[in-house]
Amino acid sequence: METDLWRDMVGKISTICVTGQFKRLQHQLEDLYRRAGVPQPAVQAYQDVLLSLLADEDEIHTATPAN
């Protein structure tokens, strides 16, 4: 059961990370973070974009009524 949950989560993350939207946002945010002096801007941008897009996806699924 827990393995299925992990498999589903990895699938969602993988799907998000290969999109053009993810890559564009990551590069834009990384550039902003770099100019702002944020430590590890690439890692921080990756995490922030991923969390943001996961939250967006979660909002879409929770806002859509189940049939």
PDB file of N, CA and C in Angstrom:
ATOM      1  N   MET A   1       0.831  -1.201   0.000  1.00  0.00           N
ATOM      2  CA  MET A   1       0.000   0.000   0.000  1.00  0.00           C
ATOM      3  C   MET A   1       0.867   1.254   0.000  1.00  0.00           C
ATOM      4  N   GLU A   2       1.822   1.326   0.895  1.00  0.00           N
ATOM      5  CA  GLU A   2       2.714   2.481   0.961  1.00  0.00           C
ATOM      6  C   GLU A   2       3.547   2.592  -0.312  1.00  0.00           C
ATOM      7  N   THR A   3       3.927   1.461  -0.899  1.00  0.00           N
ATOM      8  CA  THR A   3       4.689   1.456  -2.143  1.00  0.00           C
ATOM      9  C   THR A   3       3.885   2.105  -3.260  1.00  0.00           C
ATOM     10  N   ASP A   4       2.590   1.843  -3.308  1.00  0.00           N
ATOM     11  CA  ASP A   4       1.733   2.460  -4.322  1.00  0.00           C
ATOM     12  C   ASP A   4       1.673   3.972  -4.152  1.00  0.00           C
ATOM     13  N   LEU A   5       1.604   4.421  -2.916  1.00  0.00           N
ATOM     14  CA  LEU A   5       1.584   5.858  -2.639  1.00  0.00           C
ATOM     15  C   LEU A   5       2.873   6.513  -3.129  1.00  0.00           C
ATOM     16  N   TRP A   6       4.006   5.903  -2.823  1.00  0.00           N
ATOM     17  CA  TRP A   6       5.299   6.425  -3.279  1.00  0.00           C
ATOM     18  C   TRP A   6       5.376   6.408  -4.803  1.00  0.00           C
ATOM     19  N   ARG A   7       4.917   5.345  -5.408  1.00  0.00           N
ATOM     20  CA  ARG A   7       4.948   5.229  -6.872  1.00  0.00           C
ATOM     21  C   ARG A   7       4.106   6.336  -7.510  1.00  0.00           C
ATOM     22  N   ASP A   8       2.931   6.590  -6.954  1.00  0.00           N
ATOM     23  CA  ASP A   8       2.067   7.655  -7.467  1.00  0.00           C
ATOM     24  C   ASP A   8       2.732   9.025  -7.331  1.00  0.00           C
ATOM     25  N   MET A   9       3.344   9.272  -6.172  1.00  0.00           N
ATOM     26  CA  MET A   9       4.005  10.558  -5.938  1.00  0.00           C
ATOM     27  C   MET A   9       5.187  10.754  -6.887  1.00  0.00           C
ATOM     28  N   VAL A  10       5.988   9.727  -7.058  1.00  0.00           N
ATOM     29  CA  VAL A  10       7.124   9.815  -7.974  1.00  0.00           C
ATOM     30  C   VAL A  10       6.632  10.055  -9.402  1.00  0.00           C
ATOM     31  N   GLY A  11       5.547   9.419  -9.769  1.00  0.00           N
ATOM     32  CA  GLY A  11       4.965   9.633 -11.092  1.00  0.00           C
ATOM     33  C   GLY A  11       4.531  11.081 -11.295  1.00  0.00           C
ATOM     34  N   LYS A  12       3.869  11.662 -10.288  1.00  0.00           N
ATOM     35  CA  LYS A  12       3.442  13.054 -10.367  1.00  0.00           C
ATOM     36  C   LYS A  12       4.640  13.992 -10.490  1.00  0.00           C
ATOM     37  N   ILE A  13       5.643  13.753  -9.655  1.00  0.00           N
ATOM     38  CA  ILE A  13       6.834  14.604  -9.667  1.00  0.00           C
ATOM     39  C   ILE A  13       7.552  14.500 -11.003  1.00  0.00           C
ATOM     40  N   SER A  14       7.715  13.303 -11.501  1.00  0.00           N
ATOM     41  CA  SER A  14       8.388  13.104 -12.785  1.00  0.00           C
ATOM     42  C   SER A  14       7.650  13.809 -13.909  1.00  0.00           C
ATOM     43  N   THR A  15       6.337  13.699 -13.911  1.00  0.00           N
ATOM     44  CA  THR A  15       5.529  14.341 -14.944  1.00  0.00           C
ATOM     45  C   THR A  15       5.691  15.857 -14.890  1.00  0.00           C
ATOM     46  N   ILE A  16       5.699  16.418 -13.701  1.00  0.00           N
ATOM     47  CA  ILE A  16       5.855  17.863 -13.540  1.00  0.00           C
ATOM     48  C   ILE A  16       7.240  18.326 -13.994  1.00  0.00           C
ATOM     49  N   CYS A  17       8.273  17.597 -13.584  1.00  0.00           N
ATOM     50  CA  CYS A  17       9.654  18.045 -13.807  1.00  0.00           C
ATOM     51  C   CYS A  17      10.097  18.031 -15.262  1.00  0.00           C
ATOM     52  N   VAL A  18       9.392  17.344 -16.134  1.00  0.00           N
ATOM     53  CA  VAL A  18       9.792  17.309 -17.540  1.00  0.00           C
ATOM     54  C   VAL A  18       9.028  18.328 -18.388  1.00  0.00           C
ATOM     55  N   THR A  19       8.130  19.073 -17.771  1.00  0.00           N
ATOM     56  CA  THR A  19       7.352  20.042 -18.545  1.00  0.00           C
ATOM     57  C   THR A  19       8.160  21.302 -18.830  1.00  0.00           C
ATOM     58  N   GLY A  20       7.800  21.949 -19.900  1.00  0.00           N
ATOM     59  CA  GLY A  20       8.421  23.222 -20.239  1.00  0.00           C
ATOM     60  C   GLY A  20       8.130  24.276 -19.188  1.00  0.00           C
ATOM     61  N   GLN A  21       6.916  24.241 -18.636  1.00  0.00           N
ATOM     62  CA  GLN A  21       6.542  25.199 -17.595  1.00  0.00           C
ATOM     63  C   GLN A  21       7.477  25.084 -16.393  1.00  0.00           C
ATOM     64  N   PHE A  22       7.739  23.857 -15.957  1.00  0.00           N
ATOM     65  CA  PHE A  22       8.624  23.647 -14.815  1.00  0.00           C
ATOM     66  C   PHE A  22      10.018  24.197 -15.113  1.00  0.00           C
ATOM     67  N   LYS A  23      10.548  23.845 -16.271  1.00  0.00           N
ATOM     68  CA  LYS A  23      11.903  24.260 -16.623  1.00  0.00           C
ATOM     69  C   LYS A  23      12.025  25.777 -16.731  1.00  0.00           C
ATOM     70  N   ARG A  24      11.020  26.422 -17.353  1.00  0.00           N
ATOM     71  CA  ARG A  24      11.040  27.887 -17.474  1.00  0.00           C
ATOM     72  C   ARG A  24      11.006  28.549 -16.104  1.00  0.00           C
ATOM     73  N   LEU A  25      10.068  28.114 -15.269  1.00  0.00           N
ATOM     74  CA  LEU A  25       9.953  28.701 -13.936  1.00  0.00           C
ATOM     75  C   LEU A  25      11.211  28.473 -13.107  1.00  0.00           C
ATOM     76  N   GLN A  26      11.773  27.286 -13.222  1.00  0.00           N
ATOM     77  CA  GLN A  26      12.989  26.983 -12.462  1.00  0.00           C
ATOM     78  C   GLN A  26      14.129  27.915 -12.866  1.00  0.00           C
ATOM     79  N   HIS A  27      14.325  28.096 -14.157  1.00  0.00           N
ATOM     80  CA  HIS A  27      15.415  28.968 -14.619  1.00  0.00           C
ATOM     81  C   HIS A  27      15.174  30.420 -14.219  1.00  0.00           C
ATOM     82  N   GLN A  28      13.937  30.883 -14.337  1.00  0.00           N
ATOM     83  CA  GLN A  28      13.626  32.256 -13.951  1.00  0.00           C
ATOM     84  C   GLN A  28      13.853  32.474 -12.458  1.00  0.00           C
ATOM     85  N   LEU A  29      13.361  31.543 -11.658  1.00  0.00           N
ATOM     86  CA  LEU A  29      13.503  31.673 -10.216  1.00  0.00           C
ATOM     87  C   LEU A  29      14.962  31.535  -9.792  1.00  0.00           C
ATOM     88  N   GLU A  30      15.676  30.623 -10.420  1.00  0.00           N
ATOM     89  CA  GLU A  30      17.099  30.461 -10.108  1.00  0.00           C
ATOM     90  C   GLU A  30      17.867  31.750 -10.396  1.00  0.00           C
ATOM     91  N   ASP A  31      17.553  32.394 -11.503  1.00  0.00           N
ATOM     92  CA  ASP A  31      18.209  33.651 -11.844  1.00  0.00           C
ATOM     93  C   ASP A  31      17.907  34.720 -10.793  1.00  0.00           C
ATOM     94  N   LEU A  32      16.647  34.814 -10.397  1.00  0.00           N
ATOM     95  CA  LEU A  32      16.281  35.776  -9.354  1.00  0.00           C
ATOM     96  C   LEU A  32      16.986  35.472  -8.038  1.00  0.00           C
ATOM     97  N   TYR A  33      17.003  34.221  -7.656  1.00  0.00           N
ATOM     98  CA  TYR A  33      17.651  33.821  -6.413  1.00  0.00           C
ATOM     99  C   TYR A  33      19.154  34.091  -6.449  1.00  0.00           C
ATOM    100  N   ARG A  34      19.764  33.825  -7.589  1.00  0.00           N
ATOM    101  CA  ARG A  34      21.199  34.057  -7.732  1.00  0.00           C
ATOM    102  C   ARG A  34      21.516  35.546  -7.541  1.00  0.00           C
ATOM    103  N   ARG A  35      20.710  36.401  -8.195  1.00  0.00           N
ATOM    104  CA  ARG A  35      20.925  37.851  -8.080  1.00  0.00           C
ATOM    105  C   ARG A  35      20.640  38.357  -6.672  1.00  0.00           C
ATOM    106  N   ALA A  36      19.748  37.676  -5.957  1.00  0.00           N
ATOM    107  CA  ALA A  36      19.402  38.071  -4.593  1.00  0.00           C
ATOM    108  C   ALA A  36      20.369  37.507  -3.559  1.00  0.00           C
ATOM    109  N   GLY A  37      21.287  36.649  -4.007  1.00  0.00           N
ATOM    110  CA  GLY A  37      22.264  36.078  -3.080  1.00  0.00           C
ATOM    111  C   GLY A  37      21.740  34.927  -2.236  1.00  0.00           C
ATOM    112  N   VAL A  38      20.689  34.279  -2.697  1.00  0.00           N
ATOM    113  CA  VAL A  38      20.132  33.129  -1.972  1.00  0.00           C
ATOM    114  C   VAL A  38      21.135  31.972  -2.049  1.00  0.00           C
ATOM    115  N   PRO A  39      21.435  31.337  -0.920  1.00  0.00           N
ATOM    116  CA  PRO A  39      22.344  30.176  -0.953  1.00  0.00           C
ATOM    117  C   PRO A  39      21.747  29.042  -1.782  1.00  0.00           C
ATOM    118  N   GLN A  40      22.585  28.379  -2.527  1.00  0.00           N
ATOM    119  CA  GLN A  40      22.180  27.267  -3.389  1.00  0.00           C
ATOM    120  C   GLN A  40      20.951  27.626  -4.235  1.00  0.00           C
ATOM    121  N   PRO A  41      21.077  28.624  -5.092  1.00  0.00           N
ATOM    122  CA  PRO A  41      19.907  29.092  -5.841  1.00  0.00           C
ATOM    123  C   PRO A  41      19.284  28.020  -6.739  1.00  0.00           C
ATOM    124  N   ALA A  42      20.087  27.147  -7.311  1.00  0.00           N
ATOM    125  CA  ALA A  42      19.536  26.115  -8.191  1.00  0.00           C
ATOM    126  C   ALA A  42      18.672  25.134  -7.399  1.00  0.00           C
ATOM    127  N   VAL A  43      19.170  24.708  -6.261  1.00  0.00           N
ATOM    128  CA  VAL A  43      18.427  23.755  -5.423  1.00  0.00           C
ATOM    129  C   VAL A  43      17.162  24.407  -4.875  1.00  0.00           C
ATOM    130  N   GLN A  44      17.290  25.632  -4.393  1.00  0.00           N
ATOM    131  CA  GLN A  44      16.128  26.323  -3.823  1.00  0.00           C
ATOM    132  C   GLN A  44      15.058  26.576  -4.876  1.00  0.00           C
ATOM    133  N   ALA A  45      15.473  26.975  -6.077  1.00  0.00           N
ATOM    134  CA  ALA A  45      14.513  27.217  -7.154  1.00  0.00           C
ATOM    135  C   ALA A  45      13.805  25.928  -7.543  1.00  0.00           C
ATOM    136  N   TYR A  46      14.560  24.845  -7.664  1.00  0.00           N
ATOM    137  CA  TYR A  46      13.977  23.544  -8.018  1.00  0.00           C
ATOM    138  C   TYR A  46      12.907  23.155  -6.999  1.00  0.00           C
ATOM    139  N   GLN A  47      13.253  23.248  -5.730  1.00  0.00           N
ATOM    140  CA  GLN A  47      12.312  22.870  -4.670  1.00  0.00           C
ATOM    141  C   GLN A  47      11.078  23.760  -4.675  1.00  0.00           C
ATOM    142  N   ASP A  48      11.278  25.061  -4.813  1.00  0.00           N
ATOM    143  CA  ASP A  48      10.159  25.990  -4.744  1.00  0.00           C
ATOM    144  C   ASP A  48       9.205  25.812  -5.918  1.00  0.00           C
ATOM    145  N   VAL A  49       9.748  25.631  -7.119  1.00  0.00           N
ATOM    146  CA  VAL A  49       8.893  25.434  -8.286  1.00  0.00           C
ATOM    147  C   VAL A  49       8.151  24.106  -8.173  1.00  0.00           C
ATOM    148  N   LEU A  50       8.843  23.065  -7.760  1.00  0.00           N
ATOM    149  CA  LEU A  50       8.193  21.764  -7.619  1.00  0.00           C
ATOM    150  C   LEU A  50       7.063  21.826  -6.599  1.00  0.00           C
ATOM    151  N   LEU A  51       7.318  22.403  -5.448  1.00  0.00           N
ATOM    152  CA  LEU A  51       6.269  22.509  -4.423  1.00  0.00           C
ATOM    153  C   LEU A  51       5.090  23.343  -4.920  1.00  0.00           C
ATOM    154  N   SER A  52       5.386  24.416  -5.630  1.00  0.00           N
ATOM    155  CA  SER A  52       4.324  25.268  -6.152  1.00  0.00           C
ATOM    156  C   SER A  52       3.448  24.521  -7.154  1.00  0.00           C
ATOM    157  N   LEU A  53       4.070  23.812  -8.081  1.00  0.00           N
ATOM    158  CA  LEU A  53       3.298  23.090  -9.094  1.00  0.00           C
ATOM    159  C   LEU A  53       2.560  21.894  -8.498  1.00  0.00           C
ATOM    160  N   LEU A  54       3.141  21.246  -7.499  1.00  0.00           N
ATOM    161  CA  LEU A  54       2.427  20.170  -6.811  1.00  0.00           C
ATOM    162  C   LEU A  54       1.198  20.726  -6.086  1.00  0.00           C
ATOM    163  N   ALA A  55       1.357  21.883  -5.459  1.00  0.00           N
ATOM    164  CA  ALA A  55       0.225  22.507  -4.766  1.00  0.00           C
ATOM    165  C   ALA A  55      -0.853  22.905  -5.759  1.00  0.00           C
ATOM    166  N   ASP A  56      -0.456  23.443  -6.919  1.00  0.00           N
ATOM    167  CA  ASP A  56      -1.431  23.789  -7.956  1.00  0.00           C
ATOM    168  C   ASP A  56      -2.198  22.551  -8.405  1.00  0.00           C
ATOM    169  N   GLU A  57      -1.474  21.459  -8.630  1.00  0.00           N
ATOM    170  CA  GLU A  57      -2.118  20.222  -9.065  1.00  0.00           C
ATOM    171  C   GLU A  57      -3.074  19.706  -7.993  1.00  0.00           C
ATOM    172  N   ASP A  58      -2.660  19.793  -6.756  1.00  0.00           N
ATOM    173  CA  ASP A  58      -3.504  19.345  -5.650  1.00  0.00           C
ATOM    174  C   ASP A  58      -4.779  20.189  -5.577  1.00  0.00           C
ATOM    175  N   GLU A  59      -4.642  21.499  -5.777  1.00  0.00           N
ATOM    176  CA  GLU A  59      -5.812  22.382  -5.772  1.00  0.00           C
ATOM    177  C   GLU A  59      -6.784  22.007  -6.880  1.00  0.00           C
ATOM    178  N   ILE A  60      -6.246  21.691  -8.051  1.00  0.00           N
ATOM    179  CA  ILE A  60      -7.094  21.318  -9.182  1.00  0.00           C
ATOM    180  C   ILE A  60      -7.873  20.050  -8.857  1.00  0.00           C
ATOM    181  N   HIS A  61      -7.184  19.070  -8.267  1.00  0.00           N
ATOM    182  CA  HIS A  61      -7.844  17.788  -7.961  1.00  0.00           C
ATOM    183  C   HIS A  61      -8.838  17.912  -6.818  1.00  0.00           C
ATOM    184  N   THR A  62      -8.568  18.761  -5.841  1.00  0.00           N
ATOM    185  CA  THR A  62      -9.498  18.892  -4.726  1.00  0.00           C
ATOM    186  C   THR A  62     -10.667  19.802  -5.078  1.00  0.00           C
ATOM    187  N   ALA A  63     -10.490  20.693  -6.066  1.00  0.00           N
ATOM    188  CA  ALA A  63     -11.574  21.591  -6.472  1.00  0.00           C
ATOM    189  C   ALA A  63     -12.530  20.927  -7.456  1.00  0.00           C
ATOM    190  N   THR A  64     -12.069  19.855  -8.115  1.00  0.00           N
ATOM    191  CA  THR A  64     -12.893  19.156  -9.087  1.00  0.00           C
ATOM    192  C   THR A  64     -13.773  18.145  -8.363  1.00  0.00           C
ATOM    193  N   PRO A  65     -15.087  18.274  -8.497  1.00  0.00           N
ATOM    194  CA  PRO A  65     -15.965  17.311  -7.812  1.00  0.00           C
ATOM    195  C   PRO A  65     -15.784  15.904  -8.362  1.00  0.00           C
ATOM    196  N   ALA A  66     -15.785  14.945  -7.471  1.00  0.00           N
ATOM    197  CA  ALA A  66     -15.656  13.540  -7.885  1.00  0.00           C
ATOM    198  C   ALA A  66     -16.972  13.066  -8.474  1.00  0.00           C
ATOM    199  N   ASN A  67     -16.861  12.252  -9.510  1.00  0.00           N
ATOM    200  CA  ASN A  67     -18.077  11.712 -10.145  1.00  0.00           C
ATOM    201  C   ASN A  67     -18.397  10.355  -9.591  1.00  0.00           C
TER     202      ASN A  67
END
